[in-house]
């Protein structure tokens, strides 16, 4: 009795992190996932940023390396390119600062 041949798995590459392209002029990036967080800076249309996380609702993306740090941008301001399923949820999001008096 002859055994069936075993399948040899094909090598798979590690997916690249998603890249998001800002689609609106002067898109605000913030310290946290929401408009209650302070604006860090603005990005011009066409600016590419690398996503490193998402909030629980999936409507804000944590992006890397804007002015030397991680910031947040609203999903409504970007077009997604890449393997979105690899983006991890950020669990340790600090609460927004209290509004000024």
Protein backbone atom coordinates (compact mmCIF):
# COMPACT_ATOMS: atom_id res chain seq x y z
CA UNK A 1 0.00 0.00 0.00
CA UNK A 2 1.39 3.33 -1.04
CA UNK A 3 0.85 6.46 1.06
CA UNK A 4 -0.39 9.60 -0.66
CA UNK A 5 2.25 12.27 -1.13
CA UNK A 6 2.41 14.91 1.55
CA UNK A 7 1.97 18.51 0.55
CA UNK A 8 4.97 20.74 0.98
CA UNK A 9 3.92 24.10 2.38
CA UNK A 10 4.86 27.07 0.26
CA UNK A 11 7.00 29.70 1.92
CA UNK A 12 5.05 32.74 2.98
CA UNK A 13 6.43 36.17 3.54
CA UNK A 14 5.65 38.25 6.58
CA UNK A 15 2.99 40.79 5.65
CA UNK A 16 4.10 44.38 5.69
CA UNK A 17 2.43 46.75 8.13
CA UNK A 18 -0.52 48.61 6.61
CA UNK A 19 0.22 51.98 5.13
CA UNK A 20 -2.41 54.69 5.18
CA UNK A 21 -2.48 57.63 2.81
CA UNK A 22 -3.96 60.86 4.11
CA UNK A 23 -6.69 62.00 1.73
CA UNK A 24 -7.71 65.41 3.07
CA UNK A 25 -5.73 68.61 3.25
CA UNK A 26 -4.32 69.38 6.67
CA UNK A 27 -5.62 66.28 8.43
CA UNK A 28 -5.25 66.65 12.20
CA UNK A 29 -3.29 64.00 14.07
CA UNK A 30 -3.90 63.82 17.81
CA UNK A 31 -2.43 62.51 21.05
CA UNK A 32 -5.23 59.95 21.35
CA UNK A 33 -8.16 58.37 19.50
CA UNK A 34 -10.76 61.12 19.54
CA UNK A 35 -11.39 64.81 19.02
CA UNK A 36 -11.11 65.41 22.79
CA UNK A 37 -7.36 64.78 22.54
CA UNK A 38 -5.05 67.68 21.64
CA UNK A 39 -3.87 68.10 18.04
CA UNK A 40 -0.17 67.29 17.63
CA UNK A 41 0.22 68.48 14.05
CA UNK A 42 -1.44 68.38 10.63
CA UNK A 43 -0.53 66.21 7.67
CA UNK A 44 -0.91 67.24 4.04
CA UNK A 45 -2.93 65.20 1.54
CA UNK A 46 -0.86 62.35 0.13
CA UNK A 47 1.29 61.93 3.25
CA UNK A 48 1.98 58.24 3.94
CA UNK A 49 2.02 57.01 7.51
CA UNK A 50 2.49 53.50 8.93
CA UNK A 51 -0.23 52.11 11.16
CA UNK A 52 0.89 50.49 14.43
CA UNK A 53 -2.50 50.04 16.14
CA UNK A 54 -6.21 50.78 16.24
CA UNK A 55 -8.76 51.68 18.88
CA UNK A 56 -11.46 49.21 19.94
CA UNK A 57 -14.12 50.73 17.68
CA UNK A 58 -11.74 50.69 14.69
CA UNK A 59 -12.45 54.30 13.77
CA UNK A 60 -9.05 55.72 14.83
CA UNK A 61 -5.60 54.49 13.80
CA UNK A 62 -2.40 54.84 15.79
CA UNK A 63 0.35 55.77 13.35
CA UNK A 64 4.08 55.78 13.72
CA UNK A 65 6.66 58.39 13.69
CA UNK A 66 5.05 61.79 13.20
CA UNK A 67 7.30 64.38 14.83
CA UNK A 68 9.26 61.51 16.39
CA UNK A 69 6.34 59.73 18.08
CA UNK A 70 3.11 57.80 17.69
CA UNK A 71 -0.07 59.79 17.06
CA UNK A 72 -3.69 59.03 16.15
CA UNK A 73 -5.68 59.84 13.01
CA UNK A 74 -9.35 59.33 12.25
CA UNK A 75 -10.27 56.57 9.81
CA UNK A 76 -12.44 59.10 7.94
CA UNK A 77 -9.29 60.99 6.89
CA UNK A 78 -7.32 58.14 5.34
CA UNK A 79 -7.40 55.48 2.65
CA UNK A 80 -6.13 52.11 3.79
CA UNK A 81 -3.65 50.04 1.80
CA UNK A 82 -2.27 46.76 3.11
CA UNK A 83 -3.17 43.84 5.36
CA UNK A 84 -5.62 45.46 7.77
CA UNK A 85 -6.18 42.20 9.66
CA UNK A 86 -2.67 42.51 11.13
CA UNK A 87 -3.41 45.75 13.01
CA UNK A 88 -3.57 45.09 16.75
CA UNK A 89 -5.98 46.84 19.10
CA UNK A 90 -4.28 49.29 21.46
CA UNK A 91 -5.46 48.42 24.97
CA UNK A 92 -3.68 51.03 27.10
CA UNK A 93 -5.21 54.24 25.71
CA UNK A 94 -5.13 56.97 28.38
CA UNK A 95 -8.31 58.98 28.88
CA UNK A 96 -8.50 62.36 27.16
CA UNK A 97 -7.48 65.39 29.19
CA UNK A 98 -10.28 67.33 30.89
CA UNK A 99 -11.69 70.24 28.91
CA UNK A 100 -10.32 73.66 29.86
CA UNK A 101 -12.39 75.56 32.44
